[in-house]
Protein backbone atom coordinates (compact mmCIF):
# COMPACT_ATOMS: atom_id res chain seq x y z
CA MET A 1 29.25 -12.32 0.91
CA SER A 2 28.87 -9.22 0.81
CA PRO A 3 25.82 -7.11 0.32
CA SER A 4 25.44 -5.25 -3.57
CA LEU A 5 23.64 -1.48 -3.29
CA VAL A 6 22.39 0.31 -7.02
CA PHE A 7 21.42 3.73 -7.02
CA THR A 8 19.04 3.65 -10.45
CA ASP A 9 18.47 7.44 -11.77
CA SER A 10 15.53 8.02 -13.30
CA SER A 11 15.23 11.15 -12.84
CA THR A 12 15.57 12.29 -16.96
CA SER A 13 13.32 10.90 -19.35
CA THR A 14 15.92 8.05 -20.76
CA ALA A 15 15.63 4.59 -20.11
CA SER A 16 17.11 4.07 -16.47
CA ARG A 17 20.85 3.55 -15.26
CA LEU A 18 22.23 1.46 -13.07
CA LEU A 19 25.02 3.08 -11.62
CA PRO A 20 27.48 1.60 -8.48
CA PHE A 21 26.74 3.36 -5.69
CA SER A 22 28.74 3.87 -2.06
CA ARG A 23 28.55 4.65 1.74
CA THR A 24 30.23 5.21 4.35
CA ALA A 25 29.04 3.07 6.89
CA THR A 26 28.09 5.08 10.15
CA PRO A 27 27.69 3.79 13.45
CA PHE A 28 23.65 3.07 14.81
CA ASN A 29 23.06 4.58 18.54
CA ALA A 30 19.73 3.89 19.35
CA ALA A 31 19.28 6.55 21.82
CA VAL A 32 19.74 8.84 18.64
CA SER A 33 17.23 6.87 16.39
CA LEU A 34 14.92 7.01 19.61
CA LEU A 35 15.23 10.52 19.42
CA ARG A 36 14.99 11.35 16.14
CA SER A 37 12.18 9.03 15.96
CA VAL A 38 9.96 10.97 18.86
CA GLY A 39 11.22 14.59 17.46
CA PRO A 40 9.45 14.69 14.19
CA LEU A 41 6.19 14.56 15.18
CA ASN A 42 6.31 17.80 14.85
CA VAL A 43 6.84 18.23 11.17
CA ARG A 44 3.20 18.56 9.44
CA PRO A 45 1.21 15.57 9.53
CA PHE A 46 -0.14 13.98 6.64
CA VAL A 47 -3.54 15.11 6.04
CA LEU A 48 -5.78 12.85 4.22
CA PRO A 49 -7.29 14.96 1.65
CA PRO A 50 -10.34 15.23 -0.72
CA LEU A 51 -10.15 12.75 -3.40
CA ARG A 52 -11.17 12.84 -6.92
CA THR A 53 -13.41 10.58 -8.58
CA LEU A 54 -13.22 9.33 -12.38
CA SER A 55 -14.78 11.01 -14.54
CA VAL A 56 -18.02 9.96 -15.31
CA ASN A 57 -18.26 11.22 -19.67
CA SER A 58 -14.82 10.00 -20.00
CA SER A 59 -14.65 7.63 -22.46
CA ASN A 60 -11.27 6.37 -21.34
CA ASN A 61 -12.53 6.09 -17.80
CA PRO A 62 -15.48 3.52 -17.10
CA SER A 63 -18.74 5.54 -15.01
CA PRO A 64 -17.81 5.23 -11.11
CA VAL A 65 -21.67 5.38 -10.10
CA ILE A 66 -22.69 1.82 -8.58
CA ASN A 67 -25.50 0.70 -8.96
CA ASP A 68 -28.29 -0.75 -6.95
CA LYS A 69 -28.30 -4.86 -7.45
CA SER A 70 -31.61 -4.62 -5.91
CA GLY A 71 -32.90 -3.49 -8.73
CA GLY A 72 -32.07 -6.50 -11.27
CA GLU A 73 -28.55 -5.68 -12.62
CA ALA A 74 -27.53 -8.41 -13.97
CA CYS A 75 -23.33 -7.81 -12.81
CA ALA A 76 -21.64 -6.15 -10.82
CA LYS A 77 -19.03 -3.26 -11.33
CA VAL A 78 -15.62 -4.29 -11.60
CA ILE A 79 -13.45 -2.03 -9.30
CA ASP A 80 -10.18 -1.69 -11.73
CA GLY A 81 -7.32 -1.07 -9.77
CA LYS A 82 -5.08 -0.99 -12.64
CA MET A 83 -6.87 1.44 -14.94
CA VAL A 84 -6.45 3.84 -11.34
CA ALA A 85 -3.50 3.38 -10.90
CA LYS A 86 -2.47 3.46 -13.62
CA GLN A 87 -4.35 7.85 -13.45
CA ILE A 88 -2.48 8.50 -10.43
CA ARG A 89 0.99 7.48 -11.55
CA ASP A 90 0.70 10.26 -14.31
CA GLU A 91 -0.81 12.16 -11.41
CA ILE A 92 2.60 11.46 -9.83
CA ALA A 93 4.92 11.53 -12.11
CA ALA A 94 3.30 15.67 -13.56
CA GLU A 95 3.86 16.47 -9.46
CA VAL A 96 7.56 15.14 -9.49
CA LEU A 97 8.80 16.53 -12.94
CA LYS A 98 7.22 20.09 -11.14
CA MET A 99 8.81 19.17 -7.80
CA LYS A 100 11.75 19.18 -9.71
CA GLU A 101 12.25 22.14 -12.40
CA ALA A 102 10.95 24.41 -9.25
CA ILE A 103 13.78 23.62 -6.86
CA GLY A 104 15.17 20.95 -8.10
CA VAL A 105 14.59 18.08 -5.84
CA VAL A 106 13.67 14.82 -7.58
CA PRO A 107 11.89 12.21 -4.25
CA GLY A 108 13.67 8.96 -3.81
CA LEU A 109 12.65 5.81 -2.37
CA ALA A 110 15.20 3.29 -0.07
CA VAL A 111 14.26 -0.51 -0.76
CA ILE A 112 16.27 -3.35 1.50
CA LEU A 113 16.02 -6.74 0.75
CA VAL A 114 17.09 -9.44 2.78
CA GLY A 115 17.69 -12.55 1.92
CA ASP A 116 16.57 -14.48 -1.73
CA ARG A 117 12.95 -15.13 -1.45
CA LYS A 118 11.99 -14.76 -4.93
CA ASP A 119 8.70 -13.36 -4.33
CA SER A 120 10.35 -10.39 -1.83
CA ALA A 121 12.77 -10.20 -5.22
CA THR A 122 9.50 -9.66 -7.78
CA TYR A 123 7.83 -7.15 -5.48
CA VAL A 124 10.74 -4.74 -5.46
CA ARG A 125 11.99 -5.28 -8.97
CA ASN A 126 8.33 -4.09 -9.96
CA LYS A 127 8.67 -0.65 -6.93
CA LYS A 128 11.83 0.17 -9.00
CA LYS A 129 10.13 0.05 -12.16
CA ALA A 130 7.27 2.07 -10.63
CA CYS A 131 9.27 4.60 -9.10
CA GLU A 132 11.43 4.94 -12.91
CA SER A 133 7.68 5.26 -14.46
CA VAL A 134 7.26 8.76 -12.24
CA GLY A 135 10.72 9.76 -12.30
CA ILE A 136 11.48 8.48 -8.16
CA ASN A 137 14.92 7.99 -7.84
CA SER A 138 14.80 4.73 -6.10
CA PHE A 139 17.77 2.93 -3.86
CA GLU A 140 18.41 -0.69 -3.22
CA VAL A 141 20.49 -2.63 -0.69
CA ARG A 142 20.42 -6.08 -0.75
CA LEU A 143 21.80 -8.10 2.04
CA PRO A 144 22.00 -12.37 2.49
CA GLU A 145 19.55 -13.75 4.18
CA ASP A 146 22.37 -14.40 7.03
CA SER A 147 23.11 -11.08 7.09
CA THR A 148 22.41 -9.95 11.43
CA GLU A 149 20.01 -7.11 12.08
CA GLN A 150 22.86 -5.10 13.01
CA GLU A 151 23.34 -4.28 9.82
CA VAL A 152 20.49 -3.51 8.43
CA ILE A 153 19.40 -1.02 11.01
CA LYS A 154 22.91 0.05 10.25
CA PHE A 155 21.74 0.83 6.24
CA ILE A 156 18.57 2.30 7.39
CA SER A 157 20.07 4.19 9.74
CA GLU A 158 21.82 5.83 6.93
CA PHE A 159 19.51 5.81 4.67
CA ASN A 160 17.89 8.14 8.04
CA ASN A 161 20.67 10.99 7.34
CA ASP A 162 21.05 11.04 3.31
CA PRO A 163 18.55 13.86 2.33
CA SER A 164 18.11 12.28 -1.03
CA VAL A 165 16.20 10.03 0.59
CA HIS A 166 12.93 10.59 1.52
CA GLY A 167 11.65 7.48 1.72
CA ILE A 168 12.84 3.16 3.32
CA LEU A 169 10.97 0.32 3.21
CA VAL A 170 12.30 -2.52 4.11
CA GLN A 171 10.44 -5.35 2.90
CA LEU A 172 8.83 -7.77 4.90
CA PRO A 173 8.87 -10.80 5.89
CA LEU A 174 12.16 -10.56 7.29
CA PRO A 175 14.25 -13.96 7.97
CA SER A 176 13.33 -15.45 10.99
CA HIS A 177 16.56 -14.79 13.26
CA MET A 178 15.73 -11.36 13.06
CA ASP A 179 13.29 -9.12 15.19
CA GLU A 180 10.67 -8.07 12.73
CA GLN A 181 9.69 -4.52 15.11
CA ASN A 182 13.51 -3.51 15.84
CA VAL A 183 14.02 -3.10 12.17
CA LEU A 184 11.05 -1.41 11.54
CA ASN A 185 10.73 1.08 14.43
CA ALA A 186 14.76 2.11 13.41
CA VAL A 187 13.11 3.77 9.97
CA ASP A 188 12.89 7.38 10.83
CA ILE A 189 9.01 8.26 11.35
CA VAL A 190 9.68 11.14 8.37
CA LYS A 191 10.32 8.93 6.27
CA ASP A 192 8.41 5.62 6.80
CA VAL A 193 6.69 5.63 3.54
CA ASP A 194 5.26 2.42 4.49
CA GLY A 195 3.11 3.75 6.88
CA PHE A 196 4.04 0.88 9.83
CA HIS A 197 5.80 3.08 12.23
CA PRO A 198 3.85 2.42 15.51
CA LEU A 199 3.33 6.45 15.96
CA ASN A 200 1.98 6.73 12.43
CA ILE A 201 -0.72 3.65 13.86
CA GLY A 202 -1.05 5.39 16.53
CA ARG A 203 -1.43 8.67 15.14
CA LEU A 204 -3.88 6.93 12.72
CA ALA A 205 -5.68 5.49 15.48
CA MET A 206 -6.45 8.70 17.62
CA ARG A 207 -9.45 11.45 16.84
CA GLY A 208 -8.38 14.21 16.13
CA ARG A 209 -4.40 13.09 14.85
CA ASP A 210 -3.39 12.70 11.15
CA PRO A 211 -0.29 10.38 10.63
CA LEU A 212 2.24 11.82 8.70
CA PHE A 213 2.05 8.73 6.46
CA VAL A 214 -0.72 5.63 6.03
CA PRO A 215 -0.36 2.39 4.95
CA CYS A 216 0.17 1.55 1.84
CA THR A 217 -2.59 -1.45 0.83
CA PRO A 218 -5.34 0.06 2.98
CA LYS A 219 -5.04 3.35 1.48
CA GLY A 220 -5.28 1.94 -1.82
CA CYS A 221 -8.61 0.26 -0.72
CA ILE A 222 -10.19 3.52 0.29
CA GLU A 223 -8.60 5.05 -2.69
CA LEU A 224 -10.82 3.03 -4.87
CA LEU A 225 -13.95 3.96 -2.81
CA HIS A 226 -13.70 7.47 -3.46
CA ARG A 227 -12.07 6.99 -6.87
CA TYR A 228 -15.58 5.15 -7.62
CA ALA A 229 -17.78 7.48 -5.75
CA VAL A 230 -18.59 5.24 -3.27
CA GLU A 231 -20.32 6.37 -0.11
CA ILE A 232 -18.83 5.23 3.18
CA LYS A 233 -20.08 7.62 5.71
CA GLY A 234 -23.06 6.25 7.88
CA LYS A 235 -22.43 2.44 5.76
CA ARG A 236 -21.78 -0.14 7.69
CA ALA A 237 -18.41 -2.02 6.57
CA VAL A 238 -16.70 -5.24 7.58
CA VAL A 239 -12.79 -5.93 7.41
CA ILE A 240 -12.08 -9.51 7.58
CA GLY A 241 -8.52 -10.16 8.84
CA ARG A 242 -6.72 -7.55 11.61
CA SER A 243 -3.44 -8.10 9.89
CA ASN A 244 -0.88 -5.33 11.18
CA ILE A 245 -0.42 -4.11 7.42
CA VAL A 246 -4.27 -4.57 6.08
CA GLY A 247 -6.74 -5.67 8.44
CA MET A 248 -6.41 -2.88 10.79
CA PRO A 249 -5.43 -0.01 9.77
CA ALA A 250 -8.43 -0.23 7.42
CA ALA A 251 -10.78 -0.32 9.71
CA LEU A 252 -9.36 2.89 11.53
CA LEU A 253 -9.56 5.07 8.10
CA LEU A 254 -13.23 3.39 7.45
CA GLN A 255 -14.08 4.49 10.78
CA ARG A 256 -12.23 7.92 10.10
CA GLU A 257 -14.48 8.24 7.24
CA ASP A 258 -17.86 7.82 9.69
CA ALA A 259 -18.27 4.06 8.40
CA THR A 260 -19.67 2.54 11.32
CA VAL A 261 -17.29 -0.72 11.10
CA SER A 262 -17.15 -4.69 12.62
CA ILE A 263 -14.16 -6.82 12.23
CA VAL A 264 -14.25 -10.97 11.46
CA HIS A 265 -11.56 -12.71 12.18
CA SER A 266 -10.00 -16.11 12.82
CA ARG A 267 -12.02 -16.41 16.53
CA THR A 268 -15.12 -14.72 15.32
CA LYS A 269 -19.09 -17.53 15.00
CA ASN A 270 -20.87 -17.37 12.31
CA PRO A 271 -19.01 -14.45 10.09
CA GLU A 272 -21.32 -14.80 6.93
CA GLU A 273 -24.40 -13.65 9.57
CA ILE A 274 -22.09 -10.38 9.90
CA VAL A 275 -20.59 -9.97 6.16
CA LYS A 276 -24.18 -10.59 4.99
CA HIS A 277 -25.21 -6.86 6.49
CA ALA A 278 -22.17 -4.94 5.21
CA ASP A 279 -22.39 -2.67 2.48
CA ILE A 280 -18.54 -2.00 2.28
CA ILE A 281 -16.61 -5.26 2.81
CA ILE A 282 -13.08 -5.41 2.84
CA SER A 283 -11.41 -8.76 3.14
CA ALA A 284 -7.31 -9.38 3.79
CA VAL A 285 -7.45 -12.14 5.27
CA GLY A 286 -5.55 -14.92 2.40
CA GLN A 287 -8.04 -17.71 2.38
CA PRO A 288 -9.15 -18.67 -1.17
CA ASN A 289 -12.93 -18.29 -2.14
CA MET A 290 -13.23 -17.84 1.64
CA VAL A 291 -15.96 -15.09 1.25
CA ARG A 292 -19.40 -17.26 -0.76
CA GLY A 293 -21.98 -15.22 -2.84
CA SER A 294 -23.98 -16.12 0.08
CA TRP A 295 -22.25 -13.89 2.25
CA LEU A 296 -22.96 -11.26 1.07
CA LYS A 297 -25.76 -8.59 1.05
CA PRO A 298 -26.96 -7.81 -2.15
CA GLY A 299 -25.77 -4.40 -3.39
CA ALA A 300 -22.88 -4.49 -1.46
CA VAL A 301 -19.19 -3.48 -1.91
CA VAL A 302 -16.43 -5.27 -2.22
CA ILE A 303 -12.85 -5.02 -2.10
CA ASP A 304 -10.77 -7.92 -2.32
CA VAL A 305 -7.29 -7.09 -0.72
CA GLY A 306 -5.53 -11.00 -1.24
CA ILE A 307 -3.95 -12.68 -3.27
CA ASN A 308 -3.60 -16.67 -3.31
CA PRO A 309 -2.46 -19.25 -6.13
CA VAL A 310 -4.51 -22.35 -6.57
CA GLU A 311 -4.23 -25.41 -9.11
CA ASP A 312 -4.66 -24.83 -12.12
CA ALA A 313 -4.29 -27.29 -14.58
CA LYS A 314 -5.37 -25.21 -17.79
CA SER A 315 -2.64 -22.33 -16.68
CA PRO A 316 0.86 -23.38 -18.00
CA ARG A 317 2.44 -22.32 -14.74
CA GLY A 318 0.16 -25.18 -12.87
CA TYR A 319 -2.36 -22.23 -10.64
CA LYS A 320 -3.81 -18.94 -10.82
CA LEU A 321 -4.23 -16.86 -8.68
CA VAL A 322 -7.53 -16.41 -6.90
CA GLY A 323 -9.17 -13.64 -3.89
CA ASP A 324 -10.39 -14.24 -0.60
CA VAL A 325 -13.97 -13.48 -2.46
CA CYS A 326 -15.49 -15.83 -4.22
CA TYR A 327 -15.49 -13.84 -7.25
CA GLU A 328 -18.16 -15.23 -10.63
CA GLU A 329 -20.29 -15.47 -7.27
CA ALA A 330 -19.86 -11.74 -6.09
CA CYS A 331 -20.86 -10.64 -9.55
CA LYS A 332 -23.86 -11.73 -8.70
CA VAL A 333 -25.31 -9.88 -6.02
CA ALA A 334 -22.58 -7.67 -5.40
CA SER A 335 -22.62 -3.96 -6.88
CA ALA A 336 -19.38 -3.31 -7.43
CA VAL A 337 -16.36 -5.84 -7.05
CA THR A 338 -12.63 -5.68 -7.23
CA PRO A 339 -10.76 -8.42 -9.62
CA VAL A 340 -7.96 -10.44 -8.38
CA PRO A 341 -5.80 -9.80 -10.18
CA GLY A 342 -5.74 -6.24 -11.29
CA GLY A 343 -7.94 -4.83 -8.39
CA VAL A 344 -6.31 -3.71 -5.08
CA GLY A 345 -2.82 -5.22 -6.15
CA PRO A 346 -1.61 -2.32 -8.65
CA MET A 347 -2.88 0.40 -6.01
CA THR A 348 -0.84 -0.94 -3.12
CA ILE A 349 2.70 0.57 -5.35
CA ALA A 350 0.71 3.49 -6.75
CA MET A 351 0.05 4.62 -2.92
CA LEU A 352 3.74 4.04 -1.75
CA LEU A 353 4.84 6.19 -4.80
CA SER A 354 1.77 8.71 -3.15
CA ASN A 355 3.60 8.20 -0.08
CA THR A 356 7.28 9.12 -1.85
CA LEU A 357 5.82 11.89 -2.71
CA SER A 358 4.31 13.81 -0.03
CA SER A 359 7.16 12.34 1.67
CA ALA A 360 9.43 14.92 0.16
CA LYS A 361 7.31 18.04 -0.29
CA ARG A 362 6.90 17.45 3.42
CA ILE A 363 11.00 17.72 3.50
CA HIS A 364 11.56 20.10 1.33
CA ASN A 365 8.36 22.59 2.13
CA PHE A 366 6.89 22.39 -1.87
């Protein structure tokens, strides 16, 4: 089975078109890849900008002011990630159009999907639609489950060298016979819009350094806090989960915002006692309804990254999606909480688009 490669041109205002797109394969050279990944460290890094908050006076947007539950507020404010993500996409679309008109460049995002997992295919389809909605060109490679690691790296190498591609994303998880780190490390750091390259993570962890890209889901969590005017500096924050994708970079980002950060993980004793002291909680552990209302400090702000299916006889699908935090209980204690779905999920793709735009601006010095 041969791989399929599709180019979606979304640079026009008409419905996007799918066009066959062919490439000439170039041999992958590990030494060249290493030089490419190390060399770009002199490129202008991504400095986290001050983020705008939603307008308090807007009739279309809820007030970002977070109420203090200690004053007897009846229900937590819902942090609407779907609405914020739409606002961000509108901002990105305007910037993409401005860039196209000024220098004739349209940002491009390449996605590589290996295998036929339905959930991964859905994620890739959603990313393509999101690109189309803001005018970003999308490139897609679909490879069969039994593809070799070198075949995947070959396409990464081609995208690394393609000037029309400004961001590269390898859809995870990869098949079990592939070394995930080898594949991710092959992505040129200047196009690592997922933010998973070890040099990006290393720079995120170091004081006085800035990564070229911040991982999308943690970046989306912090963006929600900013846009809802949640004060982070000096606050106690707890991150539940320590994955490389969400938990660890979320903790690093909170630390950069001058929060005092604790991480709760599977070996933590009495996690509820630690969480109970937190002003801000980011949960990314993948356990449905694990965090109960009794774990929360009154007035805490809760960002729930978990998306967990649980049986639901009333649903046509036979299941419903819930977060790591028991939403009904949290609403009675917290001052603000993200729903599941409709909270962090839409922000992840919005941040991917943001990273792709930032990459194109940096590469073309726009």
